[in-house]
Amino acid sequence: MTHPRLRPLLSALLLAVPAVGQNSFRPLPSVPETSEWNAGASANRPRSYFEELDLAGQLPREERYVETRVYGDADSAADLTGGGSVSMQHGGWAVMFGSRLAGEQLAAIEVDTEAFFYNLSGANGVVPGENEPFNDLYRTSISGVVRTPDSDEFGWFSGFELSLGGEDEAPTNESLSIGGLGGLRYSSAKSLDVELGIAAQSRLEDDPWFWPFLGLRWRASDSVSFEARGTAVEGRVALDRAWSVFARAEYELRQFRLNPDGPLAKGVFRDEVIRGGLGLSRRSKDGFGLELLAGMDLWREFNTFDRDGKQVSEIEADSAPFVALELSLAL
């Protein structure tokens, strides 16, 4: 059920790849021309907030910079096991601030706000007996990272995220998830980057995740790169200094606290998806960036839990196409 005031906003936000999933791979930027702080930046995006800020610390920038983004994505209708169907639209905006610190460490912080519109129809069973079990969902996050520059062969990184996700009247103190990571990094001759560390993420009405944190980027040539980035695997070919094409497969997770007066009072809704697709991106010297991605949701599962953490439903959705777009401007 989309609030009338939000439909124009969603249309204006355009479409982009969401950034959510928790993972065991750390994202790294693609095919940088140089490790200098003021060179052109990659438009690649990782899949979770504190990883996004770790990526921001690696991107070559001015000594201080600001980047703004608008993004969103749309999934076509898919049938659900047991009946009913679902389609989804998602949009948001973000502002990122970055700076070089004393000792040449790089730091960045980002504020991100998103809205999610799930269109459930029929006897879908997400919450048994309710065809429309919740209203529009929202998430706001603040995240940050500090890391040593890529010019150092050996270095370290550390990051955090605080995220609120839920319906409009969900209790704030019960909608908060916290994440963090830290570890060591190694760069070899601008062709291979490896990072090893530990990451942790709290989950609503579930145990927190702890996992080894691994990042890998290999630049096979000046125009071809491969990355294990977040819960995504990507191959990219640069067409020139601005345009590139890529193939990407990724896993994403979203979690939200529900309203106290809804059908599943103070419960939790989770959306997990594996998707793959082909994309086109552009990043100009003036800081304008564009990324378009189209593909298929290969696997998708919805779970709901009551306020005590007991599972209420587990429902899979059929494969369905999606499209995503992001626009960014670095100042």
C-alpha atoms as a PDB file:
ATOM      1  CA  MET A   1       0.000   0.000   0.000  1.00  0.00           C
ATOM      2  CA  THR A   2       1.884   3.043  -1.266  1.00  0.00           C
ATOM      3  CA  HIS A   3       1.262   6.402   0.361  1.00  0.00           C
ATOM      4  CA  PRO A   4       0.047   8.903  -2.313  1.00  0.00           C
ATOM      5  CA  ARG A   5       2.757  11.423  -1.403  1.00  0.00           C
ATOM      6  CA  LEU A   6       5.497   8.892  -2.066  1.00  0.00           C
ATOM      7  CA  ARG A   7       4.578   7.756  -5.566  1.00  0.00           C
ATOM      8  CA  PRO A   8       5.867  10.958  -7.237  1.00  0.00           C
ATOM      9  CA  LEU A   9       9.028  10.700  -5.154  1.00  0.00           C
ATOM     10  CA  LEU A  10       9.641   7.155  -6.308  1.00  0.00           C
ATOM     11  CA  SER A  11       9.294   8.154  -9.933  1.00  0.00           C
ATOM     12  CA  ALA A  12      11.703  11.040  -9.465  1.00  0.00           C
ATOM     13  CA  LEU A  13      14.311   8.890  -7.763  1.00  0.00           C
ATOM     14  CA  LEU A  14      14.812   6.752 -10.886  1.00  0.00           C
ATOM     15  CA  LEU A  15      16.111   3.209 -10.578  1.00  0.00           C
ATOM     16  CA  ALA A  16      19.262   1.607  -9.195  1.00  0.00           C
ATOM     17  CA  VAL A  17      20.852  -1.458  -7.663  1.00  0.00           C
ATOM     18  CA  PRO A  18      19.985  -1.749  -3.965  1.00  0.00           C
ATOM     19  CA  ALA A  19      22.793  -2.084  -1.479  1.00  0.00           C
ATOM     20  CA  VAL A  20      21.968  -4.365   1.352  1.00  0.00           C
ATOM     21  CA  GLY A  21      23.306  -7.903   1.671  1.00  0.00           C
ATOM     22  CA  GLN A  22      25.606  -9.210   4.373  1.00  0.00           C
ATOM     23  CA  ASN A  23      28.535 -11.197   3.124  1.00  0.00           C
ATOM     24  CA  SER A  24      31.962 -12.746   3.385  1.00  0.00           C
ATOM     25  CA  PHE A  25      33.563 -10.797   0.531  1.00  0.00           C
ATOM     26  CA  ARG A  26      34.691  -7.181   0.765  1.00  0.00           C
ATOM     27  CA  PRO A  27      33.991  -4.884  -2.210  1.00  0.00           C
ATOM     28  CA  LEU A  28      36.817  -3.247  -4.118  1.00  0.00           C
ATOM     29  CA  PRO A  29      36.646  -0.597  -6.866  1.00  0.00           C
ATOM     30  CA  SER A  30      37.124  -1.532 -10.520  1.00  0.00           C
ATOM     31  CA  VAL A  31      39.938  -0.678 -12.918  1.00  0.00           C
ATOM     32  CA  PRO A  32      41.344   2.543 -11.406  1.00  0.00           C
ATOM     33  CA  GLU A  33      43.737   4.340 -13.750  1.00  0.00           C
ATOM     34  CA  THR A  34      45.961   5.369 -10.860  1.00  0.00           C
ATOM     35  CA  SER A  35      46.120   5.285  -7.070  1.00  0.00           C
ATOM     36  CA  GLU A  36      46.356   9.073  -6.809  1.00  0.00           C
ATOM     37  CA  TRP A  37      43.688  10.680  -4.585  1.00  0.00           C
ATOM     38  CA  ASN A  38      42.495  13.123  -7.278  1.00  0.00           C
ATOM     39  CA  ALA A  39      41.996  10.721 -10.222  1.00  0.00           C
ATOM     40  CA  GLY A  40      38.648   9.683 -11.701  1.00  0.00           C
ATOM     41  CA  ALA A  41      36.473   7.392  -9.572  1.00  0.00           C
ATOM     42  CA  SER A  42      34.722   4.106 -10.172  1.00  0.00           C
ATOM     43  CA  ALA A  43      30.927   3.962 -10.239  1.00  0.00           C
ATOM     44  CA  ASN A  44      30.813   0.441  -8.745  1.00  0.00           C
ATOM     45  CA  ARG A  45      28.652  -0.053  -5.673  1.00  0.00           C
ATOM     46  CA  PRO A  46      29.022  -2.627  -2.902  1.00  0.00           C
ATOM     47  CA  ARG A  47      26.098  -4.404  -1.282  1.00  0.00           C
ATOM     48  CA  SER A  48      26.031  -3.048   2.288  1.00  0.00           C
ATOM     49  CA  TYR A  49      26.510   0.312   3.921  1.00  0.00           C
ATOM     50  CA  PHE A  50      29.716  -0.029   5.864  1.00  0.00           C
ATOM     51  CA  GLU A  51      31.240  -1.775   2.849  1.00  0.00           C
ATOM     52  CA  GLU A  52      30.137   1.121   0.654  1.00  0.00           C
ATOM     53  CA  LEU A  53      32.056   3.506   2.884  1.00  0.00           C
ATOM     54  CA  ASP A  54      35.093   1.251   2.830  1.00  0.00           C
ATOM     55  CA  LEU A  55      34.899   1.419  -0.965  1.00  0.00           C
ATOM     56  CA  ALA A  56      34.599   5.207  -0.764  1.00  0.00           C
ATOM     57  CA  GLY A  57      37.850   5.340   1.165  1.00  0.00           C
ATOM     58  CA  GLN A  58      39.608   3.526  -1.676  1.00  0.00           C
ATOM     59  CA  LEU A  59      38.257   5.587  -4.551  1.00  0.00           C
ATOM     60  CA  PRO A  60      40.735   8.184  -5.826  1.00  0.00           C
ATOM     61  CA  ARG A  61      39.348  11.624  -4.975  1.00  0.00           C
ATOM     62  CA  GLU A  62      40.162  15.185  -4.090  1.00  0.00           C
ATOM     63  CA  GLU A  63      41.536  15.717  -0.578  1.00  0.00           C
ATOM     64  CA  ARG A  64      37.945  16.498   0.469  1.00  0.00           C
ATOM     65  CA  TYR A  65      34.874  15.629  -1.564  1.00  0.00           C
ATOM     66  CA  VAL A  66      31.095  15.299  -1.504  1.00  0.00           C
ATOM     67  CA  GLU A  67      29.109  12.831  -3.607  1.00  0.00           C
ATOM     68  CA  THR A  68      25.323  12.711  -3.977  1.00  0.00           C
ATOM     69  CA  ARG A  69      23.332   9.834  -5.462  1.00  0.00           C
ATOM     70  CA  VAL A  70      19.748   9.065  -6.431  1.00  0.00           C
ATOM     71  CA  TYR A  71      18.871   5.496  -7.225  1.00  0.00           C
ATOM     72  CA  GLY A  72      16.129   2.918  -7.405  1.00  0.00           C
ATOM     73  CA  ASP A  73      15.072  -0.383  -8.922  1.00  0.00           C
ATOM     74  CA  ALA A  74      11.901  -2.166  -9.998  1.00  0.00           C
ATOM     75  CA  ASP A  75      11.070  -5.881 -10.061  1.00  0.00           C
ATOM     76  CA  SER A  76       8.343  -7.295 -12.294  1.00  0.00           C
ATOM     77  CA  ALA A  77       5.453  -9.271 -10.776  1.00  0.00           C
ATOM     78  CA  ALA A  78       6.311 -12.806  -9.668  1.00  0.00           C
ATOM     79  CA  ASP A  79       4.045 -15.615  -8.473  1.00  0.00           C
ATOM     80  CA  LEU A  80       4.472 -16.820  -4.891  1.00  0.00           C
ATOM     81  CA  THR A  81       4.444 -20.414  -3.665  1.00  0.00           C
ATOM     82  CA  GLY A  82       1.024 -21.126  -2.240  1.00  0.00           C
ATOM     83  CA  GLY A  83      -0.714 -18.347  -4.165  1.00  0.00           C
ATOM     84  CA  GLY A  84      -0.660 -14.633  -4.775  1.00  0.00           C
ATOM     85  CA  SER A  85       2.055 -12.512  -6.390  1.00  0.00           C
ATOM     86  CA  VAL A  86       4.462  -9.695  -5.612  1.00  0.00           C
ATOM     87  CA  SER A  87       6.183  -6.833  -7.417  1.00  0.00           C
ATOM     88  CA  MET A  88       8.495  -4.279  -5.816  1.00  0.00           C
ATOM     89  CA  GLN A  89       9.845  -0.777  -6.398  1.00  0.00           C
ATOM     90  CA  HIS A  90      12.598   0.826  -4.366  1.00  0.00           C
ATOM     91  CA  GLY A  91      14.238   4.258  -4.442  1.00  0.00           C
ATOM     92  CA  GLY A  92      16.470   6.455  -2.348  1.00  0.00           C
ATOM     93  CA  TRP A  93      19.107   9.137  -2.066  1.00  0.00           C
ATOM     94  CA  ALA A  94      22.478   9.367  -0.350  1.00  0.00           C
ATOM     95  CA  VAL A  95      25.113  11.965   0.511  1.00  0.00           C
ATOM     96  CA  MET A  96      28.730  10.951   1.100  1.00  0.00           C
ATOM     97  CA  PHE A  97      31.547  13.032   2.597  1.00  0.00           C
ATOM     98  CA  GLY A  98      35.203  12.057   2.348  1.00  0.00           C
ATOM     99  CA  SER A  99      38.507  13.466   3.549  1.00  0.00           C
ATOM    100  CA  ARG A 100      42.206  12.702   3.965  1.00  0.00           C
ATOM    101  CA  LEU A 101      43.232  12.539   7.611  1.00  0.00           C
ATOM    102  CA  ALA A 102      46.535  13.066   9.358  1.00  0.00           C
ATOM    103  CA  GLY A 103      48.973  10.304   8.478  1.00  0.00           C
ATOM    104  CA  GLU A 104      47.404   9.986   4.996  1.00  0.00           C
ATOM    105  CA  GLN A 105      44.547   7.784   6.208  1.00  0.00           C
ATOM    106  CA  LEU A 106      41.375   8.116   4.165  1.00  0.00           C
ATOM    107  CA  ALA A 107      37.945   8.531   5.794  1.00  0.00           C
ATOM    108  CA  ALA A 108      34.367   8.732   4.510  1.00  0.00           C
ATOM    109  CA  ILE A 109      30.893   8.935   6.006  1.00  0.00           C
ATOM    110  CA  GLU A 110      27.504   8.547   4.300  1.00  0.00           C
ATOM    111  CA  VAL A 111      23.854   9.205   5.149  1.00  0.00           C
ATOM    112  CA  ASP A 112      21.380   7.141   3.115  1.00  0.00           C
ATOM    113  CA  THR A 113      17.543   7.129   3.056  1.00  0.00           C
ATOM    114  CA  GLU A 114      15.415   4.614   1.126  1.00  0.00           C
ATOM    115  CA  ALA A 115      11.758   3.681   0.562  1.00  0.00           C
ATOM    116  CA  PHE A 116      10.474   0.230  -0.447  1.00  0.00           C
ATOM    117  CA  PHE A 117       7.093  -0.451  -2.065  1.00  0.00           C
ATOM    118  CA  TYR A 118       5.974  -4.098  -2.022  1.00  0.00           C
ATOM    119  CA  ASN A 119       2.831  -4.766  -4.047  1.00  0.00           C
ATOM    120  CA  LEU A 120       1.420  -8.014  -2.657  1.00  0.00           C
ATOM    121  CA  SER A 121      -1.768  -9.413  -4.160  1.00  0.00           C
ATOM    122  CA  GLY A 122      -3.980 -12.430  -3.632  1.00  0.00           C
ATOM    123  CA  ALA A 123      -3.736 -14.861  -0.720  1.00  0.00           C
ATOM    124  CA  ASN A 124       0.040 -14.567  -0.587  1.00  0.00           C
ATOM    125  CA  GLY A 125       0.568 -15.995   2.918  1.00  0.00           C
ATOM    126  CA  VAL A 126       3.387 -13.602   3.906  1.00  0.00           C
ATOM    127  CA  VAL A 127       1.273 -13.007   7.007  1.00  0.00           C
ATOM    128  CA  PRO A 128      -1.419 -15.727   7.027  1.00  0.00           C
ATOM    129  CA  GLY A 129      -4.917 -14.305   6.574  1.00  0.00           C
ATOM    130  CA  GLU A 130      -3.669 -10.885   5.387  1.00  0.00           C
ATOM    131  CA  ASN A 131      -3.333 -10.083   1.673  1.00  0.00           C
ATOM    132  CA  GLU A 132      -1.695  -6.706   2.423  1.00  0.00           C
ATOM    133  CA  PRO A 133       0.218  -7.343   5.669  1.00  0.00           C
ATOM    134  CA  PHE A 134       2.197  -4.084   5.887  1.00  0.00           C
ATOM    135  CA  ASN A 135       2.481  -0.567   4.502  1.00  0.00           C
ATOM    136  CA  ASP A 136       5.446   0.995   2.722  1.00  0.00           C
ATOM    137  CA  LEU A 137       8.816   0.274   4.318  1.00  0.00           C
ATOM    138  CA  TYR A 138      11.735   2.618   4.956  1.00  0.00           C
ATOM    139  CA  ARG A 139      15.391   2.529   5.896  1.00  0.00           C
ATOM    140  CA  THR A 140      17.826   5.226   7.036  1.00  0.00           C
ATOM    141  CA  SER A 141      21.499   4.544   7.609  1.00  0.00           C
ATOM    142  CA  ILE A 142      24.669   6.305   8.680  1.00  0.00           C
ATOM    143  CA  SER A 143      27.990   4.601   8.083  1.00  0.00           C
ATOM    144  CA  GLY A 144      31.679   5.375   8.041  1.00  0.00           C
ATOM    145  CA  VAL A 145      35.124   4.002   7.316  1.00  0.00           C
ATOM    146  CA  VAL A 146      38.779   4.828   7.939  1.00  0.00           C
ATOM    147  CA  ARG A 147      41.545   3.101   5.962  1.00  0.00           C
ATOM    148  CA  THR A 148      45.101   3.477   4.776  1.00  0.00           C
ATOM    149  CA  PRO A 149      45.633   4.572   1.131  1.00  0.00           C
ATOM    150  CA  ASP A 150      46.183   2.089  -1.704  1.00  0.00           C
ATOM    151  CA  SER A 151      49.650   3.525  -2.292  1.00  0.00           C
ATOM    152  CA  ASP A 152      50.759   1.575   0.796  1.00  0.00           C
ATOM    153  CA  GLU A 153      51.605  -2.050   0.001  1.00  0.00           C
ATOM    154  CA  PHE A 154      50.315  -3.142   3.421  1.00  0.00           C
ATOM    155  CA  GLY A 155      47.615  -1.387   5.408  1.00  0.00           C
ATOM    156  CA  TRP A 156      44.426  -1.689   7.452  1.00  0.00           C
ATOM    157  CA  PHE A 157      40.732  -0.745   7.316  1.00  0.00           C
ATOM    158  CA  SER A 158      37.888  -0.283   9.811  1.00  0.00           C
ATOM    159  CA  GLY A 159      34.215   0.610   9.348  1.00  0.00           C
ATOM    160  CA  PHE A 160      30.771   0.730  10.965  1.00  0.00           C
ATOM    161  CA  GLU A 161      27.066   1.132  10.134  1.00  0.00           C
ATOM    162  CA  LEU A 162      23.915   2.073  12.037  1.00  0.00           C
ATOM    163  CA  SER A 163      20.665   1.354  10.203  1.00  0.00           C
ATOM    164  CA  LEU A 164      16.965   1.834  11.029  1.00  0.00           C
ATOM    165  CA  GLY A 165      14.537  -0.240   8.947  1.00  0.00           C
ATOM    166  CA  GLY A 166      10.779  -0.605   9.281  1.00  0.00           C
ATOM    167  CA  GLU A 167       7.280   0.743   8.784  1.00  0.00           C
ATOM    168  CA  ASP A 168       6.462   4.363   9.568  1.00  0.00           C
ATOM    169  CA  GLU A 169       5.382   3.712  13.175  1.00  0.00           C
ATOM    170  CA  ALA A 170       7.804   0.909  14.063  1.00  0.00           C
ATOM    171  CA  PRO A 171       9.603   1.462  17.398  1.00  0.00           C
ATOM    172  CA  THR A 172      12.977   3.082  16.708  1.00  0.00           C
ATOM    173  CA  ASN A 173      14.826   1.177  19.416  1.00  0.00           C
ATOM    174  CA  GLU A 174      13.574  -2.130  17.973  1.00  0.00           C
ATOM    175  CA  SER A 175      14.359  -1.237  14.347  1.00  0.00           C
ATOM    176  CA  LEU A 176      18.103  -0.642  14.776  1.00  0.00           C
ATOM    177  CA  SER A 177      20.767  -2.914  13.318  1.00  0.00           C
ATOM    178  CA  ILE A 178      24.492  -2.389  13.890  1.00  0.00           C
ATOM    179  CA  GLY A 179      27.441  -3.582  11.837  1.00  0.00           C
ATOM    180  CA  GLY A 180      31.204  -3.262  11.887  1.00  0.00           C
ATOM    181  CA  LEU A 181      34.357  -4.622  10.330  1.00  0.00           C
ATOM    182  CA  GLY A 182      38.132  -4.359  10.485  1.00  0.00           C
ATOM    183  CA  GLY A 183      41.192  -6.033   9.065  1.00  0.00           C
ATOM    184  CA  LEU A 184      44.389  -5.849   7.047  1.00  0.00           C
ATOM    185  CA  ARG A 185      44.936  -5.211   3.349  1.00  0.00           C
ATOM    186  CA  TYR A 186      47.603  -5.894   0.730  1.00  0.00           C
ATOM    187  CA  SER A 187      48.083  -4.334  -2.718  1.00  0.00           C
ATOM    188  CA  SER A 188      50.414  -5.816  -5.304  1.00  0.00           C
ATOM    189  CA  ALA A 189      51.667  -3.823  -8.298  1.00  0.00           C
ATOM    190  CA  LYS A 190      48.202  -2.327  -9.002  1.00  0.00           C
ATOM    191  CA  SER A 191      46.969  -5.685 -10.345  1.00  0.00           C
ATOM    192  CA  LEU A 192      45.820  -7.548  -7.241  1.00  0.00           C
ATOM    193  CA  ASP A 193      44.193  -6.320  -4.018  1.00  0.00           C
ATOM    194  CA  VAL A 194      43.399  -8.595  -1.095  1.00  0.00           C
ATOM    195  CA  GLU A 195      41.822  -7.758   2.257  1.00  0.00           C
ATOM    196  CA  LEU A 196      41.306 -10.045   5.244  1.00  0.00           C
ATOM    197  CA  GLY A 197      39.412  -9.252   8.411  1.00  0.00           C
ATOM    198  CA  ILE A 198      36.400  -9.872  10.626  1.00  0.00           C
ATOM    199  CA  ALA A 199      32.876  -8.476  10.183  1.00  0.00           C
ATOM    200  CA  ALA A 200      29.758  -8.571  12.334  1.00  0.00           C
ATOM    201  CA  GLN A 201      26.130  -7.577  11.765  1.00  0.00           C
ATOM    202  CA  SER A 202      23.136  -7.645  14.111  1.00  0.00           C
ATOM    203  CA  ARG A 203      19.811  -9.021  12.843  1.00  0.00           C
ATOM    204  CA  LEU A 204      16.272  -8.194  13.911  1.00  0.00           C
ATOM    205  CA  GLU A 205      14.823 -11.033  16.023  1.00  0.00           C
ATOM    206  CA  ASP A 206      17.763 -13.300  15.235  1.00  0.00           C
ATOM    207  CA  ASP A 207      21.332 -13.976  16.280  1.00  0.00           C
ATOM    208  CA  PRO A 208      24.024 -11.600  14.955  1.00  0.00           C
ATOM    209  CA  TRP A 209      26.254 -12.661  12.080  1.00  0.00           C
ATOM    210  CA  PHE A 210      30.022 -12.986  12.462  1.00  0.00           C
ATOM    211  CA  TRP A 211      32.059 -13.940   9.423  1.00  0.00           C
ATOM    212  CA  PRO A 212      35.567 -13.796   7.916  1.00  0.00           C
ATOM    213  CA  PHE A 213      35.885 -10.686   5.798  1.00  0.00           C
ATOM    214  CA  LEU A 214      37.563 -11.282   2.410  1.00  0.00           C
ATOM    215  CA  GLY A 215      37.955  -8.926  -0.518  1.00  0.00           C
ATOM    216  CA  LEU A 216      39.569  -9.659  -3.855  1.00  0.00           C
ATOM    217  CA  ARG A 217      40.145  -7.602  -6.999  1.00  0.00           C
ATOM    218  CA  TRP A 218      42.175  -8.665 -10.020  1.00  0.00           C
ATOM    219  CA  ARG A 219      42.931  -6.341 -12.921  1.00  0.00           C
ATOM    220  CA  ALA A 220      43.705  -8.670 -15.803  1.00  0.00           C
ATOM    221  CA  SER A 221      44.571  -5.756 -18.111  1.00  0.00           C
ATOM    222  CA  ASP A 222      44.061  -2.011 -18.417  1.00  0.00           C
ATOM    223  CA  SER A 223      40.447  -2.630 -19.465  1.00  0.00           C
ATOM    224  CA  VAL A 224      39.421  -5.957 -17.896  1.00  0.00           C
ATOM    225  CA  SER A 225      38.842  -6.604 -14.192  1.00  0.00           C
ATOM    226  CA  PHE A 226      37.270  -9.211 -11.924  1.00  0.00           C
ATOM    227  CA  GLU A 227      35.950  -8.599  -8.421  1.00  0.00           C
ATOM    228  CA  ALA A 228      34.466 -10.524  -5.524  1.00  0.00           C
ATOM    229  CA  ARG A 229      32.713  -7.524  -3.977  1.00  0.00           C
ATOM    230  CA  GLY A 230      30.274  -7.876  -1.153  1.00  0.00           C
ATOM    231  CA  THR A 231      27.881 -10.673  -1.987  1.00  0.00           C
ATOM    232  CA  ALA A 232      28.436  -9.844  -5.656  1.00  0.00           C
ATOM    233  CA  VAL A 233      30.755 -11.280  -8.279  1.00  0.00           C
ATOM    234  CA  GLU A 234      31.440  -9.048 -11.256  1.00  0.00           C
ATOM    235  CA  GLY A 235      33.434  -8.973 -14.470  1.00  0.00           C
ATOM    236  CA  ARG A 236      33.928  -5.573 -16.113  1.00  0.00           C
ATOM    237  CA  VAL A 237      35.331  -4.345 -19.435  1.00  0.00           C
ATOM    238  CA  ALA A 238      36.214  -0.672 -19.866  1.00  0.00           C
ATOM    239  CA  LEU A 239      35.233   0.629 -23.316  1.00  0.00           C
ATOM    240  CA  ASP A 240      37.137   3.885 -22.821  1.00  0.00           C
ATOM    241  CA  ARG A 241      38.028   6.174 -19.904  1.00  0.00           C
ATOM    242  CA  ALA A 242      34.346   6.909 -19.197  1.00  0.00           C
ATOM    243  CA  TRP A 243      32.197   3.942 -20.332  1.00  0.00           C
ATOM    244  CA  SER A 244      32.285   0.304 -19.272  1.00  0.00           C
ATOM    245  CA  VAL A 245      30.102  -2.804 -19.531  1.00  0.00           C
ATOM    246  CA  PHE A 246      29.774  -5.459 -16.835  1.00  0.00           C
ATOM    247  CA  ALA A 247      28.138  -8.734 -15.837  1.00  0.00           C
ATOM    248  CA  ARG A 248      27.128  -9.099 -12.198  1.00  0.00           C
ATOM    249  CA  ALA A 249      25.575 -11.729  -9.930  1.00  0.00           C
ATOM    250  CA  GLU A 250      24.679 -10.808  -6.351  1.00  0.00           C
ATOM    251  CA  TYR A 251      22.814 -11.719  -3.199  1.00  0.00           C
ATOM    252  CA  GLU A 252      20.822  -9.080  -1.294  1.00  0.00           C
ATOM    253  CA  LEU A 253      19.016  -9.013   2.045  1.00  0.00           C
ATOM    254  CA  ARG A 254      16.593  -6.495   3.561  1.00  0.00           C
ATOM    255  CA  GLN A 255      15.004  -6.595   7.027  1.00  0.00           C
ATOM    256  CA  PHE A 256      12.295  -4.398   8.544  1.00  0.00           C
ATOM    257  CA  ARG A 257      10.475  -3.979  11.844  1.00  0.00           C
ATOM    258  CA  LEU A 258       6.676  -3.841  11.443  1.00  0.00           C
ATOM    259  CA  ASN A 259       4.213  -1.484  13.119  1.00  0.00           C
ATOM    260  CA  PRO A 260       2.929  -2.279  16.623  1.00  0.00           C
ATOM    261  CA  ASP A 261      -0.728  -2.038  15.500  1.00  0.00           C
ATOM    262  CA  GLY A 262      -0.386  -4.111  12.302  1.00  0.00           C
ATOM    263  CA  PRO A 263      -1.425  -7.702  11.555  1.00  0.00           C
ATOM    264  CA  LEU A 264       1.994  -8.922  12.748  1.00  0.00           C
ATOM    265  CA  ALA A 265       2.553  -6.454  15.577  1.00  0.00           C
ATOM    266  CA  LYS A 266       6.251  -5.567  16.016  1.00  0.00           C
ATOM    267  CA  GLY A 267       7.185  -8.517  13.824  1.00  0.00           C
ATOM    268  CA  VAL A 268       9.987  -8.637  11.242  1.00  0.00           C
ATOM    269  CA  PHE A 269       9.799  -8.939   7.461  1.00  0.00           C
ATOM    270  CA  ARG A 270      12.854 -10.174   5.520  1.00  0.00           C
ATOM    271  CA  ASP A 271      13.425 -10.170   1.785  1.00  0.00           C
ATOM    272  CA  GLU A 272      16.332 -12.175   0.326  1.00  0.00           C
ATOM    273  CA  VAL A 273      17.144 -12.356  -3.383  1.00  0.00           C
ATOM    274  CA  ILE A 274      19.820 -13.668  -5.748  1.00  0.00           C
ATOM    275  CA  ARG A 275      19.901 -11.739  -9.008  1.00  0.00           C
ATOM    276  CA  GLY A 276      22.096 -11.555 -12.073  1.00  0.00           C
ATOM    277  CA  GLY A 277      22.298  -9.232 -15.046  1.00  0.00           C
ATOM    278  CA  LEU A 278      24.222  -7.152 -17.550  1.00  0.00           C
ATOM    279  CA  GLY A 279      24.953  -3.466 -17.143  1.00  0.00           C
ATOM    280  CA  LEU A 280      26.398  -0.298 -18.623  1.00  0.00           C
ATOM    281  CA  SER A 281      28.084   2.462 -16.617  1.00  0.00           C
ATOM    282  CA  ARG A 282      29.666   5.854 -17.246  1.00  0.00           C
ATOM    283  CA  ARG A 283      31.854   8.023 -15.041  1.00  0.00           C
ATOM    284  CA  SER A 284      33.024  11.342 -16.504  1.00  0.00           C
ATOM    285  CA  LYS A 285      35.889  13.567 -15.350  1.00  0.00           C
ATOM    286  CA  ASP A 286      33.412  16.182 -14.164  1.00  0.00           C
ATOM    287  CA  GLY A 287      32.128  13.712 -11.534  1.00  0.00           C
ATOM    288  CA  PHE A 288      28.842  12.699 -13.184  1.00  0.00           C
ATOM    289  CA  GLY A 289      28.124   8.973 -12.981  1.00  0.00           C
ATOM    290  CA  LEU A 290      25.463   6.660 -14.395  1.00  0.00           C
ATOM    291  CA  GLU A 291      24.898   2.935 -13.987  1.00  0.00           C
ATOM    292  CA  LEU A 292      22.148   0.888 -15.641  1.00  0.00           C
ATOM    293  CA  LEU A 293      21.582  -2.775 -14.835  1.00  0.00           C
ATOM    294  CA  ALA A 294      18.948  -5.198 -16.179  1.00  0.00           C
ATOM    295  CA  GLY A 295      18.540  -8.891 -15.431  1.00  0.00           C
ATOM    296  CA  MET A 296      16.587 -11.560 -13.554  1.00  0.00           C
ATOM    297  CA  ASP A 297      15.773 -12.318  -9.941  1.00  0.00           C
ATOM    298  CA  LEU A 298      16.972 -15.923  -9.995  1.00  0.00           C
ATOM    299  CA  TRP A 299      15.830 -16.824  -6.468  1.00  0.00           C
ATOM    300  CA  ARG A 300      13.798 -14.900  -3.911  1.00  0.00           C
ATOM    301  CA  GLU A 301      12.466 -15.747  -0.473  1.00  0.00           C
ATOM    302  CA  PHE A 302      10.306 -13.830   2.008  1.00  0.00           C
ATOM    303  CA  ASN A 303      10.315 -14.607   5.724  1.00  0.00           C
ATOM    304  CA  THR A 304       8.279 -13.150   8.567  1.00  0.00           C
ATOM    305  CA  PHE A 305       8.922 -13.496  12.300  1.00  0.00           C
ATOM    306  CA  ASP A 306       6.849 -12.479  15.313  1.00  0.00           C
ATOM    307  CA  ARG A 307       8.149 -10.140  18.024  1.00  0.00           C
ATOM    308  CA  ASP A 308       9.630 -13.118  19.898  1.00  0.00           C
ATOM    309  CA  GLY A 309      11.642 -14.338  16.901  1.00  0.00           C
ATOM    310  CA  LYS A 310       9.356 -17.255  15.998  1.00  0.00           C
ATOM    311  CA  GLN A 311       9.088 -17.810  12.241  1.00  0.00           C
ATOM    312  CA  VAL A 312       5.602 -17.130  10.877  1.00  0.00           C
ATOM    313  CA  SER A 313       6.114 -17.824   7.152  1.00  0.00           C
ATOM    314  CA  GLU A 314       8.694 -18.757   4.532  1.00  0.00           C
ATOM    315  CA  ILE A 315       7.618 -18.145   0.935  1.00  0.00           C
ATOM    316  CA  GLU A 316       9.554 -18.299  -2.339  1.00  0.00           C
ATOM    317  CA  ALA A 317       8.867 -16.221  -5.440  1.00  0.00           C
ATOM    318  CA  ASP A 318       9.271 -17.263  -9.080  1.00  0.00           C
ATOM    319  CA  SER A 319      12.015 -15.754 -11.217  1.00  0.00           C
ATOM    320  CA  ALA A 320      11.225 -12.286 -12.558  1.00  0.00           C
ATOM    321  CA  PRO A 321      13.017  -9.547 -14.515  1.00  0.00           C
ATOM    322  CA  PHE A 322      14.258  -6.327 -12.907  1.00  0.00           C
ATOM    323  CA  VAL A 323      15.808  -3.037 -14.006  1.00  0.00           C
ATOM    324  CA  ALA A 324      17.940  -0.640 -11.943  1.00  0.00           C
ATOM    325  CA  LEU A 325      19.483   2.785 -12.449  1.00  0.00           C
ATOM    326  CA  GLU A 326      21.738   5.075 -10.430  1.00  0.00           C
ATOM    327  CA  LEU A 327      22.791   8.691 -11.025  1.00  0.00           C
ATOM    328  CA  SER A 328      25.606  10.273  -9.036  1.00  0.00           C
ATOM    329  CA  LEU A 329      27.539  13.525  -8.876  1.00  0.00           C
ATOM    330  CA  ALA A 330      30.906  13.952  -7.142  1.00  0.00           C
ATOM    331  CA  LEU A 331      31.939  17.482  -6.117  1.00  0.00           C
END
